Amino acid sequence: MESEPTTADTALRPSRHSRATTALLIIGAFTVFATLVSRGTISSVPAIGAITLAGPVIGAVVELVVAFGLVSGRRWANAAMTPVLWILALSGVLTFLASLLGGRLDIPIGAILAIWALRAPVSSTSDPAPGQSTWSGLAPILVGALLVVAAWPVIVPIATQPGGPLLAASSDLHLELAATPCVGEAGVADDPPEAIEVVVRWSWARGEPVRDGTDAVVLSWATLGGDDLAGYYLDEPVQQLPGITEEDRSGLFAVYRSDLAVRGFEPGSVTIRLRRPHELGTGPGLVQVDATYAHHYLGQVRTTPQGVWTRAEVVNCDW
């Protein structure tokens, strides 16, 4: 017959206290490392990147604080230990199942380590002395913070959607486009103007708490009527407002960047001048100008800018 484990054998078994210390140190350190490595690849939108990384950083701080508290024999750390392990285990399992449903495989390292620590028995030597409170004020704060972190995958999409607390919506932007004059100097019909000044103006109904990032305005134009090869072309650069710079120009479009760190969400404008080619004679015609505003600019496909959202206006200048 097998003999029952002696008291000495039980004492030699790893306790939950020691396993939790190891697990929380590994999870916290790994989270900090992963955050540092991926901080520049989360999102090109500063607010989205910051809020996405805030959850893992808070979680790592909680895990490391509890781990060092256990090493120091703090009563609040002993009180927070088991709830913290259960939160890590359950949230990790749920994240793993969600990844499977999404067609990918995310190995829940944190959940595996937390379950490994929970399987160890609680050591009586790590318990506070009888008759004293085991639940100090710091323990519920740490557990509550980790519960919030566990809900971070739900919080982030809500907080970062346009119109939410961090990002303005397209409806918050007021965009105006004007082109003048639309007749020649003599004011005669069918006489195209020598130059057309195009102005895009915008203002915001609300701003964002993070004044950072880049917006863009893309202007494109087409001359209709007459020789297709004799269309209005972009004149020399015009002085723009501070924080607004010309990124690209061609015969058919121009791209201007607006630095939100400089301009913030104050009203702004972009001005260009289109010049009449010598080949364009008199006769009816028009210039169609398109302006597209891209919030948190992500580049462009041909003449169409990409961003968190875009707004467009069109104006015709005919004679």
Protein backbone atom coordinates (compact mmCIF):
# COMPACT_ATOMS: atom_id res chain seq x y z
CA MET A 1 0.00 0.00 0.00
CA GLU A 2 1.12 3.54 -0.75
CA SER A 3 1.82 5.62 2.30
CA GLU A 4 0.04 8.92 2.76
CA PRO A 5 2.18 12.03 2.20
CA THR A 6 3.80 13.20 5.37
CA THR A 7 3.72 16.75 6.70
CA ALA A 8 7.29 17.17 5.53
CA ASP A 9 6.34 16.09 1.97
CA THR A 10 3.48 18.56 1.91
CA ALA A 11 5.75 21.35 3.08
CA LEU A 12 8.11 20.62 0.18
CA ARG A 13 5.36 21.02 -2.43
CA PRO A 14 5.28 24.42 -4.18
CA SER A 15 2.70 26.69 -2.60
CA ARG A 16 0.26 28.95 -4.41
CA HIS A 17 2.17 31.88 -2.94
CA SER A 18 5.45 30.89 -4.64
CA ARG A 19 3.83 29.88 -7.92
CA ALA A 20 1.75 33.06 -8.04
CA THR A 21 4.89 35.14 -7.50
CA THR A 22 6.63 33.41 -10.39
CA ALA A 23 3.60 33.53 -12.67
CA LEU A 24 2.83 37.21 -12.06
CA LEU A 25 6.46 38.23 -12.57
CA ILE A 26 6.59 36.38 -15.89
CA ILE A 27 3.21 37.68 -17.10
CA GLY A 28 3.98 41.27 -16.09
CA ALA A 29 7.47 41.26 -17.61
CA PHE A 30 6.24 39.64 -20.83
CA THR A 31 3.43 42.19 -21.14
CA VAL A 32 5.85 45.09 -20.70
CA PHE A 33 8.18 43.60 -23.32
CA ALA A 34 5.35 42.99 -25.80
CA THR A 35 4.05 46.53 -25.28
CA LEU A 36 7.46 48.07 -25.95
CA VAL A 37 7.93 45.98 -29.09
CA SER A 38 4.48 46.66 -30.56
CA ARG A 39 3.89 50.25 -29.45
CA GLY A 40 4.65 51.68 -32.89
CA THR A 41 2.54 49.19 -34.84
CA ILE A 42 -0.81 49.32 -33.04
CA SER A 43 -2.35 52.22 -34.96
CA SER A 44 -1.28 55.31 -36.86
CA VAL A 45 -3.98 57.21 -34.94
CA PRO A 46 -2.32 58.39 -31.68
CA ALA A 47 -5.51 58.21 -29.59
CA ILE A 48 -6.28 54.65 -30.70
CA GLY A 49 -2.71 53.52 -30.10
CA ALA A 50 -2.60 55.10 -26.64
CA ILE A 51 -5.91 53.66 -25.42
CA THR A 52 -5.13 50.22 -26.86
CA LEU A 53 -1.80 50.02 -25.02
CA ALA A 54 -3.13 51.55 -21.79
CA GLY A 55 -4.95 48.34 -20.82
CA PRO A 56 -1.95 46.00 -21.06
CA VAL A 57 0.24 48.55 -19.27
CA ILE A 58 -2.22 48.85 -16.37
CA GLY A 59 -2.45 45.06 -16.23
CA ALA A 60 1.34 44.69 -16.13
CA VAL A 61 1.60 47.24 -13.32
CA VAL A 62 -1.01 45.36 -11.26
CA GLU A 63 0.69 42.00 -11.85
CA LEU A 64 4.16 43.27 -10.94
CA VAL A 65 2.89 45.16 -7.87
CA VAL A 66 1.16 42.03 -6.55
CA ALA A 67 4.23 39.89 -7.36
CA PHE A 68 6.60 42.19 -5.47
CA GLY A 69 4.05 42.44 -2.66
CA LEU A 70 4.08 38.65 -2.34
CA VAL A 71 7.88 38.61 -2.27
CA SER A 72 7.77 41.21 0.53
CA GLY A 73 5.14 39.28 2.47
CA ARG A 74 2.53 42.05 2.28
CA ARG A 75 -0.91 41.14 3.56
CA TRP A 76 -2.69 43.06 0.78
CA ALA A 77 -0.75 41.03 -1.80
CA ASN A 78 -1.83 37.77 -0.17
CA ALA A 79 -5.42 39.00 -0.21
CA ALA A 80 -5.27 40.00 -3.88
CA MET A 81 -3.34 36.93 -5.07
CA THR A 82 -6.15 34.42 -5.69
CA PRO A 83 -8.68 36.89 -7.20
CA VAL A 84 -5.97 38.21 -9.54
CA LEU A 85 -5.08 34.69 -10.67
CA TRP A 86 -8.74 33.84 -11.32
CA ILE A 87 -9.22 37.02 -13.39
CA LEU A 88 -6.14 36.21 -15.48
CA ALA A 89 -7.24 32.61 -15.97
CA LEU A 90 -10.84 33.37 -16.97
CA SER A 91 -10.05 36.37 -19.17
CA GLY A 92 -7.28 34.41 -20.89
CA VAL A 93 -9.59 31.47 -21.62
CA LEU A 94 -12.26 33.80 -23.01
CA THR A 95 -9.69 35.58 -25.19
CA PHE A 96 -8.46 32.23 -26.46
CA LEU A 97 -11.99 31.12 -27.39
CA ALA A 98 -12.63 34.47 -29.11
CA SER A 99 -9.46 34.04 -31.16
CA LEU A 100 -10.60 30.59 -32.30
CA LEU A 101 -13.96 32.03 -33.38
CA GLY A 102 -12.06 34.74 -35.26
CA GLY A 103 -10.06 32.17 -37.21
CA ARG A 104 -6.73 32.63 -35.44
CA LEU A 105 -4.84 30.94 -32.60
CA ASP A 106 -3.72 33.11 -29.68
CA ILE A 107 -1.93 31.02 -27.05
CA PRO A 108 -3.08 32.27 -23.61
CA ILE A 109 0.27 32.28 -21.83
CA GLY A 110 -1.11 34.33 -18.95
CA ALA A 111 -4.06 31.98 -18.42
CA ILE A 112 -1.81 28.92 -18.50
CA LEU A 113 0.50 30.36 -15.85
CA ALA A 114 -2.44 31.53 -13.72
CA ILE A 115 -4.07 28.08 -13.81
CA TRP A 116 -0.71 26.51 -12.96
CA ALA A 117 -0.48 28.77 -9.88
CA LEU A 118 -4.10 28.12 -8.84
CA ARG A 119 -3.51 24.36 -8.82
CA ALA A 120 -1.01 24.75 -6.00
CA PRO A 121 -2.29 24.62 -2.41
CA VAL A 122 -2.52 27.79 -0.35
CA SER A 123 0.31 27.83 2.17
CA SER A 124 -0.71 28.50 5.75
CA THR A 125 2.56 30.33 6.28
CA SER A 126 1.51 32.98 3.75
CA ASP A 127 -1.78 33.70 5.49
CA PRO A 128 -1.99 36.71 7.80
CA ALA A 129 -2.22 36.12 11.50
CA PRO A 130 -5.66 35.18 12.85
CA GLY A 131 -7.85 37.99 13.97
CA GLN A 132 -6.33 40.55 11.60
CA SER A 133 -7.90 41.94 8.45
CA THR A 134 -6.75 40.22 5.27
CA TRP A 135 -8.32 42.75 2.88
CA SER A 136 -6.50 46.05 2.99
CA GLY A 137 -7.52 49.07 0.94
CA LEU A 138 -4.94 48.37 -1.78
CA ALA A 139 -6.10 44.83 -2.57
CA PRO A 140 -9.59 45.73 -3.90
CA ILE A 141 -8.09 48.58 -5.92
CA LEU A 142 -5.68 46.18 -7.64
CA VAL A 143 -8.37 43.57 -8.25
CA GLY A 144 -10.77 46.21 -9.58
CA ALA A 145 -8.11 47.60 -11.91
CA LEU A 146 -7.45 44.13 -13.31
CA LEU A 147 -11.19 43.59 -13.85
CA VAL A 148 -11.23 46.76 -15.95
CA VAL A 149 -8.22 45.51 -17.91
CA ALA A 150 -10.01 42.21 -18.53
CA ALA A 151 -12.84 44.19 -20.13
CA TRP A 152 -10.39 46.22 -22.27
CA PRO A 153 -11.19 44.37 -25.54
CA VAL A 154 -14.76 45.66 -25.14
CA ILE A 155 -13.81 49.14 -23.90
CA VAL A 156 -11.39 49.98 -26.71
CA PRO A 157 -13.81 49.67 -29.69
CA ILE A 158 -16.42 51.75 -27.85
CA ALA A 159 -13.93 54.46 -26.86
CA THR A 160 -12.27 54.70 -30.28
CA GLN A 161 -15.26 54.69 -32.60
CA PRO A 162 -15.89 57.99 -34.44
CA GLY A 163 -18.22 60.09 -32.33
CA GLY A 164 -17.02 58.40 -29.16
CA PRO A 165 -15.10 60.07 -26.32
CA LEU A 166 -11.74 60.00 -28.16
CA LEU A 167 -12.54 60.56 -31.85
CA ALA A 168 -14.63 63.19 -33.58
CA ALA A 169 -17.21 62.01 -36.12
CA SER A 170 -17.54 63.14 -39.73
CA SER A 171 -20.67 65.02 -38.72
CA ASP A 172 -18.52 67.17 -36.40
CA LEU A 173 -16.70 68.61 -39.42
CA HIS A 174 -18.17 71.54 -41.35
CA LEU A 175 -16.58 71.62 -44.82
CA GLU A 176 -16.97 74.37 -47.44
CA LEU A 177 -15.58 74.54 -50.99
CA ALA A 178 -15.61 77.62 -53.22
CA ALA A 179 -14.11 78.48 -56.62
CA THR A 180 -13.97 82.05 -58.00
CA PRO A 181 -14.19 83.78 -60.42
CA CYS A 182 -16.02 81.71 -63.00
CA VAL A 183 -16.00 84.24 -65.90
CA GLY A 184 -13.24 86.01 -67.75
CA GLU A 185 -11.94 89.49 -66.93
CA ALA A 186 -14.37 91.05 -69.40
CA GLY A 187 -17.29 89.38 -67.65
CA VAL A 188 -18.51 87.99 -70.94
CA ALA A 189 -20.25 84.63 -71.13
CA ASP A 190 -18.25 81.76 -72.67
CA ASP A 191 -15.01 83.54 -71.71
CA PRO A 192 -12.97 81.30 -69.33
CA PRO A 193 -11.14 83.11 -66.49
CA GLU A 194 -7.36 83.38 -66.55
CA ALA A 195 -7.13 81.94 -63.02
CA ILE A 196 -9.54 80.28 -60.63
CA GLU A 197 -8.92 80.51 -56.89
CA VAL A 198 -10.14 77.42 -55.01
CA VAL A 199 -10.58 77.63 -51.24
CA VAL A 200 -11.46 74.80 -48.86
CA ARG A 201 -12.54 75.91 -45.39
CA TRP A 202 -13.36 73.73 -42.40
CA SER A 203 -14.36 74.06 -38.78
CA TRP A 204 -15.14 71.60 -35.98
CA ALA A 205 -18.17 71.26 -33.76
CA ARG A 206 -15.99 69.40 -31.23
CA GLY A 207 -12.36 68.49 -30.82
CA GLU A 208 -10.51 65.47 -29.47
CA PRO A 209 -8.65 65.13 -26.16
CA VAL A 210 -5.45 64.10 -27.98
CA ARG A 211 -4.24 66.91 -30.25
CA ASP A 212 -1.92 64.78 -32.35
CA GLY A 213 -1.87 63.12 -35.74
CA THR A 214 -2.28 64.29 -39.32
CA ASP A 215 -5.32 65.18 -41.39
CA ALA A 216 -5.22 65.70 -45.14
CA VAL A 217 -7.07 67.63 -47.81
CA VAL A 218 -6.94 66.30 -51.37
CA LEU A 219 -8.06 68.60 -54.19
CA SER A 220 -8.62 67.32 -57.71
CA TRP A 221 -10.05 69.04 -60.77
CA ALA A 222 -11.10 68.38 -64.35
CA THR A 223 -11.77 70.77 -67.22
CA LEU A 224 -14.84 69.83 -69.23
CA GLY A 225 -15.46 71.19 -72.71
CA GLY A 226 -13.04 72.08 -75.46
CA ASP A 227 -9.78 70.21 -75.96
CA ASP A 228 -9.27 67.57 -73.26
CA LEU A 229 -5.52 68.23 -73.37
CA ALA A 230 -5.98 71.92 -72.58
CA GLY A 231 -7.21 71.75 -69.00
CA TYR A 232 -6.60 74.13 -66.11
CA TYR A 233 -3.36 73.38 -64.28
CA LEU A 234 -2.07 74.04 -60.76
CA ASP A 235 -0.30 77.37 -60.41
CA GLU A 236 2.68 78.13 -58.17
CA PRO A 237 2.28 77.20 -54.48
CA VAL A 238 0.20 79.55 -52.33
CA GLN A 239 1.20 80.39 -48.76
CA GLN A 240 -0.89 78.27 -46.40
CA LEU A 241 -1.78 78.61 -42.72
CA PRO A 242 0.75 77.46 -40.09
CA GLY A 243 0.69 73.69 -39.70
CA ILE A 244 -0.58 73.10 -43.25
CA THR A 245 1.96 71.88 -45.80
CA GLU A 246 1.81 70.74 -49.39
CA GLU A 247 2.70 67.05 -49.64
CA ASP A 248 2.19 66.34 -53.34
CA ARG A 249 1.05 68.05 -56.52
CA SER A 250 0.41 67.07 -60.12
CA GLY A 251 -1.57 68.23 -63.10
CA LEU A 252 -4.75 66.69 -61.71
CA PHE A 253 -4.57 66.85 -57.91
CA ALA A 254 -2.81 68.34 -54.88
CA VAL A 255 -2.43 66.94 -51.35
CA TYR A 256 -2.12 69.07 -48.23
CA ARG A 257 -1.38 67.85 -44.70
CA SER A 258 -2.74 69.48 -41.56
CA ASP A 259 -0.66 68.85 -38.44
CA LEU A 260 -3.10 68.48 -35.55
CA ALA A 261 -0.32 69.02 -33.02
CA VAL A 262 0.07 72.54 -34.46
CA ARG A 263 -3.45 73.43 -35.57
CA GLY A 264 -5.49 71.32 -33.22
CA PHE A 265 -9.17 71.62 -34.04
CA GLU A 266 -9.23 75.31 -34.88
CA PRO A 267 -10.85 76.42 -38.16
CA GLY A 268 -8.54 76.02 -41.14
CA SER A 269 -8.35 76.42 -44.89
CA VAL A 270 -6.37 75.44 -47.97
CA THR A 271 -6.07 77.71 -51.01
CA ILE A 272 -4.87 76.80 -54.50
CA ARG A 273 -4.90 78.67 -57.80
CA LEU A 274 -5.72 77.00 -61.12
CA ARG A 275 -4.27 78.66 -64.22
CA ARG A 276 -5.88 78.77 -67.68
CA PRO A 277 -3.72 77.18 -70.38
CA HIS A 278 -3.04 79.20 -73.53
CA GLU A 279 -4.55 76.42 -75.64
CA LEU A 280 -7.96 76.86 -74.01
CA GLY A 281 -9.99 79.15 -76.22
CA THR A 282 -13.29 80.82 -75.66
CA GLY A 283 -16.52 78.88 -75.57
CA PRO A 284 -18.71 77.30 -72.92
CA GLY A 285 -17.08 74.98 -70.43
CA LEU A 286 -16.54 74.28 -66.77
CA VAL A 287 -13.99 73.17 -64.21
CA GLN A 288 -15.19 70.61 -61.69
CA VAL A 289 -13.28 70.70 -58.40
CA ASP A 290 -13.46 67.93 -55.80
CA ALA A 291 -12.21 68.35 -52.23
CA THR A 292 -11.88 65.42 -49.82
CA TYR A 293 -10.97 65.80 -46.15
CA ALA A 294 -9.42 62.72 -44.50
CA HIS A 295 -9.33 62.65 -40.70
CA HIS A 296 -6.20 60.92 -39.38
CA TYR A 297 -4.74 60.50 -42.84
CA LEU A 298 -3.67 56.96 -43.80
CA GLY A 299 -2.47 57.60 -47.35
CA GLN A 300 -4.35 57.62 -50.62
CA VAL A 301 -5.50 55.38 -53.43
CA ARG A 302 -4.98 57.39 -56.64
CA THR A 303 -6.65 60.70 -55.79
CA THR A 304 -8.83 59.30 -52.99
CA PRO A 305 -7.42 59.81 -49.48
CA GLN A 306 -7.88 57.20 -46.77
CA GLY A 307 -8.48 57.91 -43.10
CA VAL A 308 -10.58 57.04 -40.09
CA TRP A 309 -13.31 58.76 -42.11
CA THR A 310 -13.55 61.16 -45.04
CA ARG A 311 -15.83 64.02 -46.13
CA ALA A 312 -16.11 65.31 -49.68
CA GLU A 313 -17.45 68.39 -51.43
CA VAL A 314 -17.77 69.22 -55.15
CA VAL A 315 -18.10 72.59 -56.85
CA ASN A 316 -18.49 73.50 -60.53
CA CYS A 317 -17.06 76.67 -62.01
CA ASP A 318 -18.72 77.17 -65.41
CA TRP A 319 -18.73 79.92 -68.00
